[in-house]
């Protein structure tokens, strides 16, 4: 998959994600849509026209834990769903092997805001 804006292109492979945000956003953790998912190698790509993207690798096993439909698929006892889950887990195993090594995955939580009187 490729995200294109003007002359700029950002390619995504399995196990990678992109979050498109306004250019004024200063850090990925301010806009992270899936805080329970772990990420690494976050790269900022400027598109111009007031937009940019944060591209990163994500730990697929944390996505399964965080995304309820994926978790339900993996733990389902239904025969046809179980068959789909088996194929999904085989693909997951291959992707995890491709991601092996390198830097550690981390969670990026939104900063907590407090109110002062």
C-alpha atoms as a PDB file:
ATOM      1  CA  UNK A   1       0.000   0.000   0.000  1.00  0.00           C
ATOM      2  CA  UNK A   2       1.216   3.503  -0.763  1.00  0.00           C
ATOM      3  CA  UNK A   3       0.021   6.805   0.662  1.00  0.00           C
ATOM      4  CA  UNK A   4       0.419   9.636  -1.837  1.00  0.00           C
ATOM      5  CA  UNK A   5       0.062  13.359  -1.253  1.00  0.00           C
ATOM      6  CA  UNK A   6       1.292  15.641  -3.985  1.00  0.00           C
ATOM      7  CA  UNK A   7       4.723  14.406  -5.064  1.00  0.00           C
ATOM      8  CA  UNK A   8       5.392  12.624  -1.743  1.00  0.00           C
ATOM      9  CA  UNK A   9       4.803   8.858  -1.377  1.00  0.00           C
ATOM     10  CA  UNK A  10       5.024   6.730   1.764  1.00  0.00           C
ATOM     11  CA  UNK A  11       5.023   2.941   1.293  1.00  0.00           C
ATOM     12  CA  UNK A  12       3.558   0.580   3.886  1.00  0.00           C
ATOM     13  CA  UNK A  13       4.428  -3.087   4.172  1.00  0.00           C
ATOM     14  CA  UNK A  14       2.716  -5.673   6.387  1.00  0.00           C
ATOM     15  CA  UNK A  15       3.529  -4.865  10.002  1.00  0.00           C
ATOM     16  CA  UNK A  16       3.805  -1.119   9.387  1.00  0.00           C
ATOM     17  CA  UNK A  17       1.324   1.654   9.987  1.00  0.00           C
ATOM     18  CA  UNK A  18       0.894   5.330   9.201  1.00  0.00           C
ATOM     19  CA  UNK A  19      -1.011   8.051  10.977  1.00  0.00           C
ATOM     20  CA  UNK A  20      -1.743  11.159   8.901  1.00  0.00           C
ATOM     21  CA  UNK A  21      -1.990  14.320  10.978  1.00  0.00           C
ATOM     22  CA  UNK A  22      -1.845  18.106  10.658  1.00  0.00           C
ATOM     23  CA  UNK A  23       1.719  19.454  10.331  1.00  0.00           C
ATOM     24  CA  UNK A  24       1.509  21.278  13.660  1.00  0.00           C
ATOM     25  CA  UNK A  25       1.467  17.984  15.631  1.00  0.00           C
ATOM     26  CA  UNK A  26       4.826  17.755  17.397  1.00  0.00           C
ATOM     27  CA  UNK A  27       5.025  14.118  18.516  1.00  0.00           C
ATOM     28  CA  UNK A  28       3.552  10.732  17.610  1.00  0.00           C
ATOM     29  CA  UNK A  29       2.421  10.066  21.178  1.00  0.00           C
ATOM     30  CA  UNK A  30       0.050  13.064  20.934  1.00  0.00           C
ATOM     31  CA  UNK A  31      -1.918  11.362  18.129  1.00  0.00           C
ATOM     32  CA  UNK A  32      -1.297   7.637  18.667  1.00  0.00           C
ATOM     33  CA  UNK A  33      -4.681   6.015  17.890  1.00  0.00           C
ATOM     34  CA  UNK A  34      -3.781   2.640  19.443  1.00  0.00           C
ATOM     35  CA  UNK A  35      -1.907   3.227  22.681  1.00  0.00           C
ATOM     36  CA  UNK A  36      -1.919  -0.451  23.685  1.00  0.00           C
ATOM     37  CA  UNK A  37       0.012  -1.346  20.531  1.00  0.00           C
ATOM     38  CA  UNK A  38       3.822  -1.182  20.676  1.00  0.00           C
ATOM     39  CA  UNK A  39       5.777   0.616  17.935  1.00  0.00           C
ATOM     40  CA  UNK A  40       9.347   1.163  16.802  1.00  0.00           C
ATOM     41  CA  UNK A  41      11.219   3.068  14.105  1.00  0.00           C
ATOM     42  CA  UNK A  42       8.782   5.969  13.992  1.00  0.00           C
ATOM     43  CA  UNK A  43       9.636   8.234  11.071  1.00  0.00           C
ATOM     44  CA  UNK A  44       7.995  11.557  10.292  1.00  0.00           C
ATOM     45  CA  UNK A  45       7.184  12.308   6.630  1.00  0.00           C
ATOM     46  CA  UNK A  46       6.180  15.854   5.615  1.00  0.00           C
ATOM     47  CA  UNK A  47       3.601  15.956   2.839  1.00  0.00           C
ATOM     48  CA  UNK A  48       3.185  19.705   2.583  1.00  0.00           C
ATOM     49  CA  UNK A  49      -0.285  21.246   2.331  1.00  0.00           C
ATOM     50  CA  UNK A  50      -0.455  21.199   6.134  1.00  0.00           C
ATOM     51  CA  UNK A  51      -0.152  17.400   6.473  1.00  0.00           C
ATOM     52  CA  UNK A  52       2.434  14.910   7.633  1.00  0.00           C
ATOM     53  CA  UNK A  53       2.516  11.214   8.441  1.00  0.00           C
ATOM     54  CA  UNK A  54       4.106   9.181  11.204  1.00  0.00           C
ATOM     55  CA  UNK A  55       5.155   5.820   9.732  1.00  0.00           C
ATOM     56  CA  UNK A  56       6.241   2.997  12.039  1.00  0.00           C
ATOM     57  CA  UNK A  57       6.548  -0.726  12.546  1.00  0.00           C
ATOM     58  CA  UNK A  58       4.135  -2.174  15.082  1.00  0.00           C
ATOM     59  CA  UNK A  59       4.349  -5.324  17.190  1.00  0.00           C
ATOM     60  CA  UNK A  60       1.667  -7.503  15.673  1.00  0.00           C
ATOM     61  CA  UNK A  61       1.132  -9.553  18.836  1.00  0.00           C
ATOM     62  CA  UNK A  62       0.275  -6.366  20.768  1.00  0.00           C
ATOM     63  CA  UNK A  63      -2.221  -5.430  18.048  1.00  0.00           C
ATOM     64  CA  UNK A  64      -3.956  -8.794  18.495  1.00  0.00           C
ATOM     65  CA  UNK A  65      -4.191  -8.143  22.207  1.00  0.00           C
ATOM     66  CA  UNK A  66      -5.439  -4.550  21.750  1.00  0.00           C
ATOM     67  CA  UNK A  67      -7.905  -4.994  18.862  1.00  0.00           C
ATOM     68  CA  UNK A  68     -10.914  -6.934  20.117  1.00  0.00           C
ATOM     69  CA  UNK A  69     -12.041  -8.414  16.757  1.00  0.00           C
ATOM     70  CA  UNK A  70      -8.537  -9.807  16.137  1.00  0.00           C
ATOM     71  CA  UNK A  71      -8.382 -11.254  19.630  1.00  0.00           C
ATOM     72  CA  UNK A  72     -11.846 -12.807  19.176  1.00  0.00           C
ATOM     73  CA  UNK A  73     -10.719 -14.350  15.881  1.00  0.00           C
ATOM     74  CA  UNK A  74      -7.664 -15.956  17.479  1.00  0.00           C
ATOM     75  CA  UNK A  75      -9.514 -17.412  20.491  1.00  0.00           C
ATOM     76  CA  UNK A  76     -12.705 -18.461  18.677  1.00  0.00           C
ATOM     77  CA  UNK A  77     -13.908 -22.022  19.061  1.00  0.00           C
ATOM     78  CA  UNK A  78     -15.997 -21.904  15.871  1.00  0.00           C
ATOM     79  CA  UNK A  79     -14.712 -24.345  13.223  1.00  0.00           C
ATOM     80  CA  UNK A  80     -14.710 -21.997  10.192  1.00  0.00           C
ATOM     81  CA  UNK A  81     -13.403 -19.071  12.235  1.00  0.00           C
ATOM     82  CA  UNK A  82     -10.715 -21.324  13.667  1.00  0.00           C
ATOM     83  CA  UNK A  83      -9.585 -22.208  10.124  1.00  0.00           C
ATOM     84  CA  UNK A  84      -9.267 -18.497   9.273  1.00  0.00           C
ATOM     85  CA  UNK A  85      -7.429 -17.900  12.560  1.00  0.00           C
ATOM     86  CA  UNK A  86      -4.952 -20.674  11.725  1.00  0.00           C
ATOM     87  CA  UNK A  87      -4.142 -19.073   8.367  1.00  0.00           C
ATOM     88  CA  UNK A  88      -3.875 -15.677  10.059  1.00  0.00           C
ATOM     89  CA  UNK A  89      -1.478 -17.046  12.700  1.00  0.00           C
ATOM     90  CA  UNK A  90       0.719 -18.649  10.038  1.00  0.00           C
ATOM     91  CA  UNK A  91       1.015 -15.293   8.279  1.00  0.00           C
ATOM     92  CA  UNK A  92       1.627 -13.629  11.644  1.00  0.00           C
ATOM     93  CA  UNK A  93       4.470 -16.035  12.377  1.00  0.00           C
ATOM     94  CA  UNK A  94       6.167 -15.160   9.079  1.00  0.00           C
ATOM     95  CA  UNK A  95       5.766 -11.424   9.709  1.00  0.00           C
ATOM     96  CA  UNK A  96       7.162 -11.758  13.235  1.00  0.00           C
ATOM     97  CA  UNK A  97      10.219 -13.539  11.818  1.00  0.00           C
ATOM     98  CA  UNK A  98      10.740 -10.679   9.379  1.00  0.00           C
ATOM     99  CA  UNK A  99      10.497  -8.182  12.256  1.00  0.00           C
ATOM    100  CA  UNK A 100      12.845 -10.158  14.520  1.00  0.00           C
ATOM    101  CA  UNK A 101      15.969  -8.500  15.810  1.00  0.00           C
ATOM    102  CA  UNK A 102      16.703  -4.839  15.840  1.00  0.00           C
ATOM    103  CA  UNK A 103      15.323  -2.341  18.265  1.00  0.00           C
ATOM    104  CA  UNK A 104      12.794  -2.967  20.951  1.00  0.00           C
ATOM    105  CA  UNK A 105       9.111  -2.110  20.470  1.00  0.00           C
ATOM    106  CA  UNK A 106       7.691   0.507  22.878  1.00  0.00           C
ATOM    107  CA  UNK A 107       4.320   1.900  23.802  1.00  0.00           C
ATOM    108  CA  UNK A 108       3.741   5.581  23.106  1.00  0.00           C
ATOM    109  CA  UNK A 109       1.125   6.919  25.510  1.00  0.00           C
ATOM    110  CA  UNK A 110      -0.515  10.325  25.214  1.00  0.00           C
ATOM    111  CA  UNK A 111       0.815  12.782  27.789  1.00  0.00           C
ATOM    112  CA  UNK A 112      -1.512  13.092  30.756  1.00  0.00           C
ATOM    113  CA  UNK A 113      -3.006  16.517  31.232  1.00  0.00           C
ATOM    114  CA  UNK A 114      -3.828  17.943  34.640  1.00  0.00           C
ATOM    115  CA  UNK A 115      -5.813  21.018  35.480  1.00  0.00           C
ATOM    116  CA  UNK A 116      -4.463  23.671  37.819  1.00  0.00           C
ATOM    117  CA  UNK A 117      -6.642  26.087  39.697  1.00  0.00           C
END
